[in-house]
Amino acid sequence: WNHGQACCTGSHIFVQAGICDKFLAEFTKKTASINVGDPFSPGVDQGPQVSQLQYDVV
C-alpha cells in the first residue's frame, strides 16, 4: 500500500544501557550476514541502495 516507499527510518535504534554491549554484538553479527544484490536472485536479502551516499549512510 505504500508503493515501495517507507516513511520511517531505521537509522536510529534506542537500546537500554544494561544490554547495549550484548545487543551491539548480536546486531553486528546479524547484519554482517545480510546478502545485498539483485533482489530477484535466490539468497539475496536486500536489493541495492539508491546511491553511494545512501550506501555509506546505511
N, C-alpha and C. Protein backbone atom coordinates (compact mmCIF):
# COMPACT_ATOMS: atom_id res chain seq x y z
N TRP A 1 0.80 -1.19 0.00
CA TRP A 1 0.00 0.00 0.00
C TRP A 1 0.84 1.26 0.00
N ASN A 2 2.14 1.14 0.21
CA ASN A 2 2.98 2.34 0.24
C ASN A 2 3.76 2.53 -1.06
N HIS A 3 3.47 1.74 -2.09
CA HIS A 3 4.10 1.88 -3.40
C HIS A 3 5.63 1.82 -3.35
N GLY A 4 6.16 1.05 -2.39
CA GLY A 4 7.60 0.89 -2.30
C GLY A 4 8.30 1.96 -1.49
N GLN A 5 7.58 2.94 -1.01
CA GLN A 5 8.18 3.99 -0.20
C GLN A 5 7.91 3.71 1.27
N ALA A 6 8.88 3.95 2.09
CA ALA A 6 8.70 3.80 3.52
C ALA A 6 9.00 5.14 4.17
N CYS A 7 8.06 5.66 4.89
CA CYS A 7 8.23 6.98 5.51
C CYS A 7 8.66 6.84 6.97
N CYS A 8 9.56 5.95 7.20
CA CYS A 8 10.14 5.79 8.53
C CYS A 8 11.60 5.41 8.33
N THR A 9 12.38 5.52 9.35
CA THR A 9 13.80 5.25 9.21
C THR A 9 14.27 4.27 10.26
N GLY A 10 15.19 3.45 9.88
CA GLY A 10 15.80 2.53 10.82
C GLY A 10 17.21 2.95 11.17
N SER A 11 17.51 4.22 10.98
CA SER A 11 18.88 4.68 11.21
C SER A 11 19.17 4.99 12.68
N HIS A 12 18.14 4.97 13.51
CA HIS A 12 18.33 5.19 14.94
C HIS A 12 17.73 4.02 15.70
N ILE A 13 18.48 3.49 16.64
CA ILE A 13 18.00 2.40 17.48
C ILE A 13 18.28 2.79 18.92
N PHE A 14 17.25 2.75 19.74
CA PHE A 14 17.42 3.05 21.16
C PHE A 14 17.53 1.74 21.92
N VAL A 15 18.61 1.59 22.67
CA VAL A 15 18.88 0.35 23.39
C VAL A 15 19.14 0.69 24.85
N GLN A 16 18.54 -0.09 25.72
CA GLN A 16 18.76 0.10 27.16
C GLN A 16 20.24 -0.09 27.47
N ALA A 17 20.79 0.79 28.28
CA ALA A 17 22.23 0.78 28.59
C ALA A 17 22.71 -0.57 29.11
N GLY A 18 21.91 -1.24 29.90
CA GLY A 18 22.32 -2.51 30.50
C GLY A 18 22.53 -3.64 29.52
N ILE A 19 21.95 -3.55 28.34
CA ILE A 19 22.10 -4.62 27.34
C ILE A 19 22.80 -4.15 26.08
N CYS A 20 23.35 -2.95 26.12
CA CYS A 20 23.93 -2.34 24.92
C CYS A 20 25.05 -3.19 24.30
N ASP A 21 25.99 -3.66 25.11
CA ASP A 21 27.11 -4.44 24.57
C ASP A 21 26.63 -5.74 23.93
N LYS A 22 25.71 -6.44 24.60
CA LYS A 22 25.19 -7.69 24.05
C LYS A 22 24.40 -7.42 22.77
N PHE A 23 23.57 -6.38 22.78
CA PHE A 23 22.80 -6.03 21.60
C PHE A 23 23.72 -5.71 20.42
N LEU A 24 24.73 -4.90 20.67
CA LEU A 24 25.64 -4.50 19.60
C LEU A 24 26.36 -5.70 18.99
N ALA A 25 26.78 -6.64 19.83
CA ALA A 25 27.45 -7.84 19.33
C ALA A 25 26.51 -8.66 18.45
N GLU A 26 25.28 -8.86 18.89
CA GLU A 26 24.31 -9.64 18.12
C GLU A 26 23.88 -8.91 16.85
N PHE A 27 23.67 -7.62 16.95
CA PHE A 27 23.26 -6.82 15.80
C PHE A 27 24.34 -6.84 14.72
N THR A 28 25.58 -6.69 15.14
CA THR A 28 26.70 -6.71 14.20
C THR A 28 26.80 -8.07 13.51
N LYS A 29 26.64 -9.14 14.28
CA LYS A 29 26.70 -10.49 13.71
C LYS A 29 25.58 -10.70 12.69
N LYS A 30 24.38 -10.29 13.04
CA LYS A 30 23.24 -10.48 12.13
C LYS A 30 23.36 -9.64 10.86
N THR A 31 23.74 -8.38 10.99
CA THR A 31 23.81 -7.52 9.81
C THR A 31 24.98 -7.88 8.90
N ALA A 32 26.02 -8.48 9.45
CA ALA A 32 27.15 -8.89 8.62
C ALA A 32 26.77 -10.01 7.66
N SER A 33 25.71 -10.74 7.98
CA SER A 33 25.31 -11.87 7.14
C SER A 33 24.25 -11.51 6.10
N ILE A 34 23.86 -10.24 6.02
CA ILE A 34 22.86 -9.81 5.03
C ILE A 34 23.49 -9.80 3.64
N ASN A 35 22.85 -10.50 2.72
CA ASN A 35 23.33 -10.54 1.33
C ASN A 35 22.63 -9.45 0.52
N VAL A 36 23.42 -8.52 0.00
CA VAL A 36 22.89 -7.43 -0.82
C VAL A 36 23.20 -7.72 -2.28
N GLY A 37 22.21 -7.54 -3.14
CA GLY A 37 22.43 -7.79 -4.56
C GLY A 37 21.15 -7.67 -5.34
N ASP A 38 21.08 -8.41 -6.43
CA ASP A 38 19.89 -8.43 -7.28
C ASP A 38 18.73 -9.01 -6.47
N PRO A 39 17.68 -8.24 -6.23
CA PRO A 39 16.59 -8.73 -5.40
C PRO A 39 15.84 -9.92 -5.99
N PHE A 40 16.06 -10.22 -7.26
CA PHE A 40 15.39 -11.36 -7.88
C PHE A 40 16.24 -12.62 -7.83
N SER A 41 17.46 -12.52 -7.31
CA SER A 41 18.35 -13.68 -7.21
C SER A 41 18.08 -14.43 -5.91
N PRO A 42 18.11 -15.75 -5.96
CA PRO A 42 17.93 -16.54 -4.74
C PRO A 42 19.03 -16.22 -3.72
N GLY A 43 18.66 -16.17 -2.46
CA GLY A 43 19.63 -15.94 -1.40
C GLY A 43 19.94 -14.49 -1.12
N VAL A 44 19.38 -13.57 -1.89
CA VAL A 44 19.62 -12.14 -1.66
C VAL A 44 18.56 -11.63 -0.68
N ASP A 45 19.03 -10.95 0.37
CA ASP A 45 18.13 -10.44 1.40
C ASP A 45 17.66 -9.01 1.13
N GLN A 46 18.48 -8.23 0.44
CA GLN A 46 18.17 -6.81 0.24
C GLN A 46 18.70 -6.37 -1.11
N GLY A 47 17.89 -5.59 -1.81
CA GLY A 47 18.33 -5.03 -3.07
C GLY A 47 19.36 -3.94 -2.85
N PRO A 48 19.93 -3.41 -3.92
CA PRO A 48 20.97 -2.39 -3.80
C PRO A 48 20.42 -1.09 -3.23
N GLN A 49 21.31 -0.29 -2.65
CA GLN A 49 20.95 1.03 -2.15
C GLN A 49 20.74 1.97 -3.33
N VAL A 50 20.07 3.07 -3.09
CA VAL A 50 19.73 4.03 -4.14
C VAL A 50 20.98 4.68 -4.71
N SER A 51 21.95 4.99 -3.87
CA SER A 51 23.13 5.71 -4.31
C SER A 51 24.30 5.36 -3.40
N GLN A 52 25.50 5.74 -3.81
CA GLN A 52 26.68 5.52 -2.97
C GLN A 52 26.55 6.26 -1.64
N LEU A 53 25.99 7.47 -1.68
CA LEU A 53 25.80 8.25 -0.46
C LEU A 53 24.89 7.50 0.52
N GLN A 54 23.77 6.97 0.02
CA GLN A 54 22.86 6.22 0.88
C GLN A 54 23.52 4.95 1.39
N TYR A 55 24.28 4.29 0.54
CA TYR A 55 25.01 3.08 0.95
C TYR A 55 25.95 3.41 2.11
N ASP A 56 26.68 4.52 1.99
CA ASP A 56 27.62 4.92 3.04
C ASP A 56 26.90 5.25 4.35
N VAL A 57 25.71 5.84 4.25
CA VAL A 57 24.94 6.18 5.44
C VAL A 57 24.47 4.93 6.16
N VAL A 58 23.97 3.97 5.39
CA VAL A 58 23.44 2.74 5.98
C VAL A 58 24.59 1.89 6.48
